[in-house]
Amino acid sequence: MKRIPRSIRQAFNFAWPIFKKRFGLFTAVLLTIFGAWVALEIVVIAGQRLGIVLWAVAHIAFLIFVAGLAVGFFQICLAFCDGREPTFADIFTHLALGPKFLAGQIIYLLMVVIGLLLLFVPGVYIGVRYALFGFCMADGETSVVRSFRQSAILSMGAKTYLLWTLLVLLVVNVIGASLLGLGLFITVPMSVLMMTAIFRQLKTF
């Protein structure tokens, strides 16, 4: 029988020492994502005369690039969880998965939103059931469909724990965003590290 993680504190105790030790790495990762957004704004403003086509192409390229960075970010956190020492360059090693991960994010968001609009509870259920699909993809499962299936399997018996964890992390990140966005440099890496610890534990057992 799968052993369910015991508490959110357990995941926090894993994440905090790593975050403190490698704060510079996590800051560089988030600044890279922020830099991509700045570049997007510069391109959009400079190319206003070219109309909606440039705007659409620039935003699609940005979303794909950031999705690829997100997979690399997850991979870095997985490396820490496995006792390895990742470097900043590792964030760029999975850019090719950007289109697939972005497609997965869009599918996930649509399913959650539709579920919430219909009866609310289905949206929450779907959100929890497939919350780990990104980690499945970063861990080597390159198929979007199989990543969703693996997330569903991993969440079996752990949905209540995952729900409470996701709610806590949502509140923490909202607070981080309210602090002029600077708090996100702490809350985002901590959130990903905590979810990584949960993913690894659920996959192990």
C-alpha atoms as a PDB file:
ATOM      1  CA  MET A   1       0.000   0.000   0.000  1.00  0.00           C
ATOM      2  CA  LYS A   2       1.238   3.502  -0.846  1.00  0.00           C
ATOM      3  CA  ARG A   3       2.555   5.439   2.130  1.00  0.00           C
ATOM      4  CA  ILE A   4       0.997   8.890   2.177  1.00  0.00           C
ATOM      5  CA  PRO A   5       3.230  11.830   3.166  1.00  0.00           C
ATOM      6  CA  ARG A   6       2.478  12.763   6.742  1.00  0.00           C
ATOM      7  CA  SER A   7       2.401  16.563   6.746  1.00  0.00           C
ATOM      8  CA  ILE A   8       3.077  19.786   4.894  1.00  0.00           C
ATOM      9  CA  ARG A   9       5.792  20.446   7.468  1.00  0.00           C
ATOM     10  CA  GLN A  10       7.619  17.360   6.212  1.00  0.00           C
ATOM     11  CA  ALA A  11       7.805  18.849   2.723  1.00  0.00           C
ATOM     12  CA  PHE A  12       8.797  22.237   4.163  1.00  0.00           C
ATOM     13  CA  ASN A  13      11.629  20.681   6.165  1.00  0.00           C
ATOM     14  CA  PHE A  14      12.987  19.224   2.939  1.00  0.00           C
ATOM     15  CA  ALA A  15      12.649  22.447   0.935  1.00  0.00           C
ATOM     16  CA  TRP A  16      13.920  25.097   3.336  1.00  0.00           C
ATOM     17  CA  PRO A  17      17.575  23.956   3.742  1.00  0.00           C
ATOM     18  CA  ILE A  18      17.967  23.560  -0.022  1.00  0.00           C
ATOM     19  CA  PHE A  19      16.420  26.955  -0.677  1.00  0.00           C
ATOM     20  CA  LYS A  20      18.734  28.673   1.818  1.00  0.00           C
ATOM     21  CA  LYS A  21      21.819  26.942   0.453  1.00  0.00           C
ATOM     22  CA  ARG A  22      21.052  27.607  -3.228  1.00  0.00           C
ATOM     23  CA  PHE A  23      19.154  30.899  -2.992  1.00  0.00           C
ATOM     24  CA  GLY A  24      21.382  32.392  -5.693  1.00  0.00           C
ATOM     25  CA  LEU A  25      20.483  29.660  -8.169  1.00  0.00           C
ATOM     26  CA  PHE A  26      16.750  30.017  -7.605  1.00  0.00           C
ATOM     27  CA  THR A  27      17.001  33.798  -7.875  1.00  0.00           C
ATOM     28  CA  ALA A  28      18.853  33.480 -11.183  1.00  0.00           C
ATOM     29  CA  VAL A  29      16.148  31.147 -12.508  1.00  0.00           C
ATOM     30  CA  LEU A  30      13.347  33.559 -11.619  1.00  0.00           C
ATOM     31  CA  LEU A  31      15.281  36.541 -12.982  1.00  0.00           C
ATOM     32  CA  THR A  32      15.691  34.664 -16.253  1.00  0.00           C
ATOM     33  CA  ILE A  33      11.923  34.221 -16.494  1.00  0.00           C
ATOM     34  CA  PHE A  34      11.440  37.889 -15.610  1.00  0.00           C
ATOM     35  CA  GLY A  35      14.021  38.848 -18.236  1.00  0.00           C
ATOM     36  CA  ALA A  36      12.072  36.896 -20.840  1.00  0.00           C
ATOM     37  CA  TRP A  37       8.976  38.887 -19.938  1.00  0.00           C
ATOM     38  CA  VAL A  38      10.899  42.175 -20.248  1.00  0.00           C
ATOM     39  CA  ALA A  39      12.165  41.092 -23.674  1.00  0.00           C
ATOM     40  CA  LEU A  40       8.585  40.303 -24.695  1.00  0.00           C
ATOM     41  CA  GLU A  41       7.417  43.775 -23.695  1.00  0.00           C
ATOM     42  CA  ILE A  42      10.268  45.411 -25.611  1.00  0.00           C
ATOM     43  CA  VAL A  43       9.466  43.427 -28.762  1.00  0.00           C
ATOM     44  CA  VAL A  44       5.731  44.189 -28.498  1.00  0.00           C
ATOM     45  CA  ILE A  45       6.272  47.916 -27.950  1.00  0.00           C
ATOM     46  CA  ALA A  46       8.919  48.214 -30.652  1.00  0.00           C
ATOM     47  CA  GLY A  47       6.786  46.313 -33.143  1.00  0.00           C
ATOM     48  CA  GLN A  48       3.462  48.030 -32.574  1.00  0.00           C
ATOM     49  CA  ARG A  49       3.329  49.130 -36.181  1.00  0.00           C
ATOM     50  CA  LEU A  50       3.414  45.520 -37.355  1.00  0.00           C
ATOM     51  CA  GLY A  51       0.064  44.869 -35.732  1.00  0.00           C
ATOM     52  CA  ILE A  52      -1.563  41.845 -34.165  1.00  0.00           C
ATOM     53  CA  VAL A  53       0.558  39.273 -36.006  1.00  0.00           C
ATOM     54  CA  LEU A  54       3.790  40.261 -34.267  1.00  0.00           C
ATOM     55  CA  TRP A  55       1.933  40.528 -30.952  1.00  0.00           C
ATOM     56  CA  ALA A  56       0.579  36.998 -31.299  1.00  0.00           C
ATOM     57  CA  VAL A  57       3.876  35.467 -32.477  1.00  0.00           C
ATOM     58  CA  ALA A  58       5.828  37.176 -29.696  1.00  0.00           C
ATOM     59  CA  HIS A  59       3.433  35.997 -26.987  1.00  0.00           C
ATOM     60  CA  ILE A  60       3.333  32.415 -28.286  1.00  0.00           C
ATOM     61  CA  ALA A  61       7.134  32.315 -28.435  1.00  0.00           C
ATOM     62  CA  PHE A  62       7.317  33.717 -24.898  1.00  0.00           C
ATOM     63  CA  LEU A  63       4.863  31.166 -23.512  1.00  0.00           C
ATOM     64  CA  ILE A  64       6.688  28.254 -25.159  1.00  0.00           C
ATOM     65  CA  PHE A  65      10.057  29.497 -23.913  1.00  0.00           C
ATOM     66  CA  VAL A  66       8.841  29.994 -20.346  1.00  0.00           C
ATOM     67  CA  ALA A  67       7.150  26.580 -20.405  1.00  0.00           C
ATOM     68  CA  GLY A  68      10.494  25.052 -21.357  1.00  0.00           C
ATOM     69  CA  LEU A  69      12.171  26.950 -18.521  1.00  0.00           C
ATOM     70  CA  ALA A  70       9.517  25.648 -16.133  1.00  0.00           C
ATOM     71  CA  VAL A  71      10.348  22.053 -17.053  1.00  0.00           C
ATOM     72  CA  GLY A  72      14.007  22.840 -16.438  1.00  0.00           C
ATOM     73  CA  PHE A  73      13.092  24.411 -13.093  1.00  0.00           C
ATOM     74  CA  PHE A  74      11.229  21.258 -12.079  1.00  0.00           C
ATOM     75  CA  GLN A  75      14.201  19.161 -13.215  1.00  0.00           C
ATOM     76  CA  ILE A  76      16.548  21.222 -11.032  1.00  0.00           C
ATOM     77  CA  CYS A  77      14.326  20.626  -8.005  1.00  0.00           C
ATOM     78  CA  LEU A  78      14.119  16.907  -8.819  1.00  0.00           C
ATOM     79  CA  ALA A  79      17.922  16.805  -8.967  1.00  0.00           C
ATOM     80  CA  PHE A  80      18.139  18.301  -5.483  1.00  0.00           C
ATOM     81  CA  CYS A  81      15.608  15.752  -4.257  1.00  0.00           C
ATOM     82  CA  ASP A  82      17.779  12.966  -5.699  1.00  0.00           C
ATOM     83  CA  GLY A  83      20.910  14.270  -3.985  1.00  0.00           C
ATOM     84  CA  ARG A  84      22.513  15.742  -7.103  1.00  0.00           C
ATOM     85  CA  GLU A  85      23.920  19.254  -7.592  1.00  0.00           C
ATOM     86  CA  PRO A  86      22.283  20.956 -10.579  1.00  0.00           C
ATOM     87  CA  THR A  87      23.611  24.144 -12.139  1.00  0.00           C
ATOM     88  CA  PHE A  88      21.961  27.192 -13.665  1.00  0.00           C
ATOM     89  CA  ALA A  89      22.553  25.799 -17.167  1.00  0.00           C
ATOM     90  CA  ASP A  90      20.179  22.927 -16.372  1.00  0.00           C
ATOM     91  CA  ILE A  91      17.191  25.245 -16.703  1.00  0.00           C
ATOM     92  CA  PHE A  92      17.780  25.348 -20.466  1.00  0.00           C
ATOM     93  CA  THR A  93      18.159  21.595 -21.018  1.00  0.00           C
ATOM     94  CA  HIS A  94      14.445  20.919 -21.556  1.00  0.00           C
ATOM     95  CA  LEU A  95      13.427  23.804 -23.805  1.00  0.00           C
ATOM     96  CA  ALA A  96      12.361  21.290 -26.456  1.00  0.00           C
ATOM     97  CA  LEU A  97       9.562  20.184 -24.116  1.00  0.00           C
ATOM     98  CA  GLY A  98       8.203  23.739 -23.996  1.00  0.00           C
ATOM     99  CA  PRO A  99       5.400  23.185 -26.573  1.00  0.00           C
ATOM    100  CA  LYS A 100       4.238  19.946 -24.918  1.00  0.00           C
ATOM    101  CA  PHE A 101       4.340  21.398 -21.422  1.00  0.00           C
ATOM    102  CA  LEU A 102       2.459  24.494 -22.560  1.00  0.00           C
ATOM    103  CA  ALA A 103      -0.163  22.270 -24.195  1.00  0.00           C
ATOM    104  CA  GLY A 104      -0.458  20.338 -20.930  1.00  0.00           C
ATOM    105  CA  GLN A 105      -0.850  23.546 -18.944  1.00  0.00           C
ATOM    106  CA  ILE A 106      -3.613  24.773 -21.263  1.00  0.00           C
ATOM    107  CA  ILE A 107      -5.458  21.438 -21.082  1.00  0.00           C
ATOM    108  CA  TYR A 108      -5.095  21.364 -17.290  1.00  0.00           C
ATOM    109  CA  LEU A 109      -6.349  24.934 -16.926  1.00  0.00           C
ATOM    110  CA  LEU A 110      -9.334  24.349 -19.214  1.00  0.00           C
ATOM    111  CA  MET A 111     -10.352  21.206 -17.352  1.00  0.00           C
ATOM    112  CA  VAL A 112     -10.113  22.911 -13.974  1.00  0.00           C
ATOM    113  CA  VAL A 113     -11.983  26.041 -15.097  1.00  0.00           C
ATOM    114  CA  ILE A 114     -14.776  24.063 -16.777  1.00  0.00           C
ATOM    115  CA  GLY A 115     -15.083  21.848 -13.701  1.00  0.00           C
ATOM    116  CA  LEU A 116     -15.271  24.872 -11.412  1.00  0.00           C
ATOM    117  CA  LEU A 117     -17.908  26.546 -13.577  1.00  0.00           C
ATOM    118  CA  LEU A 118     -20.088  23.444 -13.695  1.00  0.00           C
ATOM    119  CA  LEU A 119     -20.274  22.240 -10.113  1.00  0.00           C
ATOM    120  CA  PHE A 120     -17.077  23.568  -8.465  1.00  0.00           C
ATOM    121  CA  VAL A 121     -16.218  20.201  -6.866  1.00  0.00           C
ATOM    122  CA  PRO A 122     -15.241  18.552 -10.202  1.00  0.00           C
ATOM    123  CA  GLY A 123     -12.842  21.431 -10.843  1.00  0.00           C
ATOM    124  CA  VAL A 124     -11.167  20.958  -7.475  1.00  0.00           C
ATOM    125  CA  TYR A 125     -10.988  17.192  -8.020  1.00  0.00           C
ATOM    126  CA  ILE A 126      -9.410  17.582 -11.458  1.00  0.00           C
ATOM    127  CA  GLY A 127      -6.991  20.217 -10.170  1.00  0.00           C
ATOM    128  CA  VAL A 128      -5.716  17.868  -7.471  1.00  0.00           C
ATOM    129  CA  ARG A 129      -5.790  14.682  -9.579  1.00  0.00           C
ATOM    130  CA  TYR A 130      -3.576  16.111 -12.313  1.00  0.00           C
ATOM    131  CA  ALA A 131      -1.519  18.596 -10.280  1.00  0.00           C
ATOM    132  CA  LEU A 132       1.669  16.554 -10.653  1.00  0.00           C
ATOM    133  CA  PHE A 133       1.648  16.193 -14.433  1.00  0.00           C
ATOM    134  CA  GLY A 134       4.450  18.751 -14.841  1.00  0.00           C
ATOM    135  CA  PHE A 135       6.718  16.854 -12.483  1.00  0.00           C
ATOM    136  CA  CYS A 136       5.949  13.626 -14.344  1.00  0.00           C
ATOM    137  CA  MET A 137       7.040  15.296 -17.565  1.00  0.00           C
ATOM    138  CA  ALA A 138      10.201  16.737 -16.008  1.00  0.00           C
ATOM    139  CA  ASP A 139      10.992  13.296 -14.606  1.00  0.00           C
ATOM    140  CA  GLY A 140      11.182  11.769 -18.061  1.00  0.00           C
ATOM    141  CA  GLU A 141       7.612  11.198 -19.265  1.00  0.00           C
ATOM    142  CA  THR A 142       7.506  13.256 -22.452  1.00  0.00           C
ATOM    143  CA  SER A 143       3.933  12.348 -23.461  1.00  0.00           C
ATOM    144  CA  VAL A 144       1.322  14.822 -22.236  1.00  0.00           C
ATOM    145  CA  VAL A 145      -1.372  12.138 -22.021  1.00  0.00           C
ATOM    146  CA  ARG A 146       0.831   9.707 -20.106  1.00  0.00           C
ATOM    147  CA  SER A 147       1.950  12.514 -17.780  1.00  0.00           C
ATOM    148  CA  PHE A 148      -1.689  13.135 -16.871  1.00  0.00           C
ATOM    149  CA  ARG A 149      -2.275   9.420 -16.383  1.00  0.00           C
ATOM    150  CA  GLN A 150       0.778   9.089 -14.150  1.00  0.00           C
ATOM    151  CA  SER A 151      -0.321  12.079 -12.080  1.00  0.00           C
ATOM    152  CA  ALA A 152      -3.730  10.459 -11.623  1.00  0.00           C
ATOM    153  CA  ILE A 153      -2.081   7.261 -10.401  1.00  0.00           C
ATOM    154  CA  LEU A 154       0.248   9.073  -8.002  1.00  0.00           C
ATOM    155  CA  SER A 155      -2.589  11.105  -6.498  1.00  0.00           C
ATOM    156  CA  MET A 156      -4.650   8.044  -5.634  1.00  0.00           C
ATOM    157  CA  GLY A 157      -5.167   7.963  -1.872  1.00  0.00           C
ATOM    158  CA  ALA A 158      -3.375  11.293  -1.422  1.00  0.00           C
ATOM    159  CA  LYS A 159      -5.914  13.770  -2.805  1.00  0.00           C
ATOM    160  CA  THR A 160      -6.838  15.301   0.558  1.00  0.00           C
ATOM    161  CA  TYR A 161      -3.189  15.844   1.417  1.00  0.00           C
ATOM    162  CA  LEU A 162      -2.488  17.319  -2.018  1.00  0.00           C
ATOM    163  CA  LEU A 163      -5.524  19.581  -1.786  1.00  0.00           C
ATOM    164  CA  TRP A 164      -4.481  21.089   1.534  1.00  0.00           C
ATOM    165  CA  THR A 165      -0.907  21.495   0.316  1.00  0.00           C
ATOM    166  CA  LEU A 166      -2.007  23.258  -2.873  1.00  0.00           C
ATOM    167  CA  LEU A 167      -4.313  25.570  -0.922  1.00  0.00           C
ATOM    168  CA  VAL A 168      -1.561  26.495   1.526  1.00  0.00           C
ATOM    169  CA  LEU A 169       0.909  27.145  -1.285  1.00  0.00           C
ATOM    170  CA  LEU A 170      -1.678  29.232  -3.155  1.00  0.00           C
ATOM    171  CA  VAL A 171      -2.212  31.467  -0.129  1.00  0.00           C
ATOM    172  CA  VAL A 172       1.533  31.756   0.485  1.00  0.00           C
ATOM    173  CA  ASN A 173       2.192  32.776  -3.130  1.00  0.00           C
ATOM    174  CA  VAL A 174      -0.633  35.328  -3.079  1.00  0.00           C
ATOM    175  CA  ILE A 175       0.995  36.863  -0.020  1.00  0.00           C
ATOM    176  CA  GLY A 176       4.362  36.782  -1.799  1.00  0.00           C
ATOM    177  CA  ALA A 177       2.899  38.526  -4.836  1.00  0.00           C
ATOM    178  CA  SER A 178       1.310  41.194  -2.640  1.00  0.00           C
ATOM    179  CA  LEU A 179       4.743  42.222  -1.360  1.00  0.00           C
ATOM    180  CA  LEU A 180       5.539  44.073  -4.596  1.00  0.00           C
ATOM    181  CA  GLY A 181       6.162  40.674  -6.142  1.00  0.00           C
ATOM    182  CA  LEU A 182       9.457  40.333  -4.268  1.00  0.00           C
ATOM    183  CA  GLY A 183       8.067  37.681  -1.981  1.00  0.00           C
ATOM    184  CA  LEU A 184       7.716  35.387  -4.993  1.00  0.00           C
ATOM    185  CA  PHE A 185      11.500  34.980  -5.016  1.00  0.00           C
ATOM    186  CA  ILE A 186      10.972  33.005  -1.817  1.00  0.00           C
ATOM    187  CA  THR A 187       7.523  31.496  -2.180  1.00  0.00           C
ATOM    188  CA  VAL A 188       7.851  30.156  -5.746  1.00  0.00           C
ATOM    189  CA  PRO A 189      11.069  28.139  -5.213  1.00  0.00           C
ATOM    190  CA  MET A 190       9.791  26.892  -1.867  1.00  0.00           C
ATOM    191  CA  SER A 191       6.487  25.833  -3.441  1.00  0.00           C
ATOM    192  CA  VAL A 192       8.184  23.926  -6.264  1.00  0.00           C
ATOM    193  CA  LEU A 193      10.629  22.261  -3.879  1.00  0.00           C
ATOM    194  CA  MET A 194       7.825  21.189  -1.559  1.00  0.00           C
ATOM    195  CA  MET A 195       5.770  19.762  -4.417  1.00  0.00           C
ATOM    196  CA  THR A 196       8.908  18.008  -5.670  1.00  0.00           C
ATOM    197  CA  ALA A 197       9.350  16.317  -2.300  1.00  0.00           C
ATOM    198  CA  ILE A 198       5.714  15.179  -2.351  1.00  0.00           C
ATOM    199  CA  PHE A 199       6.027  13.923  -5.935  1.00  0.00           C
ATOM    200  CA  ARG A 200       9.146  11.889  -5.137  1.00  0.00           C
ATOM    201  CA  GLN A 201       7.589  10.380  -2.021  1.00  0.00           C
ATOM    202  CA  LEU A 202       4.378   9.420  -3.804  1.00  0.00           C
ATOM    203  CA  LYS A 203       6.350   7.931  -6.684  1.00  0.00           C
ATOM    204  CA  THR A 204       8.606   5.960  -4.347  1.00  0.00           C
ATOM    205  CA  PHE A 205       5.798   4.262  -2.515  1.00  0.00           C
END
